[in-house]
Amino acid sequence: MVVAVVVVEMSDRAGVPKLDNKNYEVWKILIRALLTRKSVEEVLDAASVPTYGPNSSVTKAWMKKDALARAELILHVEPDQ
């Protein structure tokens, strides 16, 4: 029964386990793949931060992608991390 709960829980998060004290190396590969699949991985690179004004369409699009990536990261980390 516990296995079924874990399988359902992982499928809800696109197969990426939550980051814990033991799985960083695997987690970082899987979370990057998830962010790539969702087309938001470029926000992980500090050089991608737009230098346009805060109201430019480029900046607004980047901020939306940043928020989506941040949400995925938060949802894929154990609370005690």
Protein backbone atom coordinates (compact mmCIF):
# COMPACT_ATOMS: atom_id res chain seq x y z
CA MET A 1 0.00 0.00 0.00
CA VAL A 2 2.78 2.46 0.80
CA VAL A 3 4.34 1.82 -2.62
CA ALA A 4 1.06 2.80 -4.33
CA VAL A 5 0.98 6.06 -2.38
CA VAL A 6 4.57 6.88 -3.38
CA VAL A 7 3.88 6.08 -7.05
CA VAL A 8 0.81 8.34 -7.11
CA GLU A 9 2.67 11.09 -5.26
CA MET A 10 5.60 10.98 -7.70
CA SER A 11 3.33 10.93 -10.76
CA ASP A 12 1.65 14.09 -9.49
CA ARG A 13 5.06 15.75 -9.56
CA ALA A 14 6.08 14.50 -13.00
CA GLY A 15 8.30 11.71 -11.64
CA VAL A 16 10.69 13.99 -9.76
CA PRO A 17 11.12 13.01 -6.11
CA LYS A 18 11.33 15.74 -3.50
CA LEU A 19 14.87 16.82 -2.63
CA ASP A 20 16.04 15.34 0.66
CA ASN A 21 19.34 14.74 2.43
CA LYS A 22 20.24 11.78 0.19
CA ASN A 23 19.15 12.41 -3.39
CA TYR A 24 20.65 15.72 -4.58
CA GLU A 25 22.65 14.31 -7.51
CA VAL A 26 19.64 12.55 -9.04
CA TRP A 27 17.22 15.34 -8.06
CA LYS A 28 19.22 18.08 -9.80
CA ILE A 29 19.20 16.15 -13.09
CA LEU A 30 15.49 15.38 -12.88
CA ILE A 31 14.44 18.89 -11.81
CA ARG A 32 16.44 20.44 -14.66
CA ALA A 33 14.72 18.05 -17.08
CA LEU A 34 11.32 19.04 -15.67
CA LEU A 35 12.12 22.74 -16.01
CA THR A 36 13.36 22.14 -19.57
CA ARG A 37 10.15 20.32 -20.45
CA LYS A 38 8.16 23.26 -19.08
CA SER A 39 10.36 25.72 -21.06
CA VAL A 40 11.51 27.66 -17.99
CA GLU A 41 15.04 26.29 -17.45
CA GLU A 42 16.74 29.45 -18.70
CA VAL A 43 15.85 31.28 -15.48
CA LEU A 44 18.39 29.07 -13.69
CA ASP A 45 21.15 31.03 -15.45
CA ALA A 46 21.82 34.40 -13.82
CA ALA A 47 22.92 35.76 -17.19
CA SER A 48 19.35 35.34 -18.46
CA VAL A 49 17.96 38.08 -16.20
CA PRO A 50 16.67 40.78 -18.54
CA THR A 51 18.23 44.21 -18.39
CA TYR A 52 15.17 45.93 -19.84
CA GLY A 53 12.83 48.00 -17.71
CA PRO A 54 10.41 46.29 -15.33
CA ASN A 55 7.44 46.97 -17.62
CA SER A 56 8.98 45.60 -20.81
CA SER A 57 7.39 42.53 -22.37
CA VAL A 58 10.74 40.69 -22.16
CA THR A 59 11.03 41.34 -18.43
CA LYS A 60 7.41 40.38 -17.79
CA ALA A 61 7.83 37.11 -19.72
CA TRP A 62 11.03 36.33 -17.78
CA MET A 63 9.32 37.08 -14.45
CA LYS A 64 6.47 34.71 -15.34
CA LYS A 65 8.95 31.94 -16.20
CA ASP A 66 10.88 32.68 -13.00
CA ALA A 67 7.71 32.33 -10.92
CA LEU A 68 6.82 29.02 -12.61
CA ALA A 69 10.33 27.64 -12.08
CA ARG A 70 10.38 28.82 -8.45
CA ALA A 71 7.04 27.10 -7.79
CA GLU A 72 8.31 23.81 -9.26
CA LEU A 73 11.46 24.01 -7.15
CA ILE A 74 9.52 24.71 -3.96
CA LEU A 75 7.11 21.85 -4.63
CA HIS A 76 10.03 19.46 -5.18
CA VAL A 77 11.87 20.07 -1.89
CA GLU A 78 11.13 18.39 1.43
CA PRO A 79 9.99 20.95 4.03
CA ASP A 80 12.95 20.19 6.32
CA GLN A 81 15.53 21.14 3.67
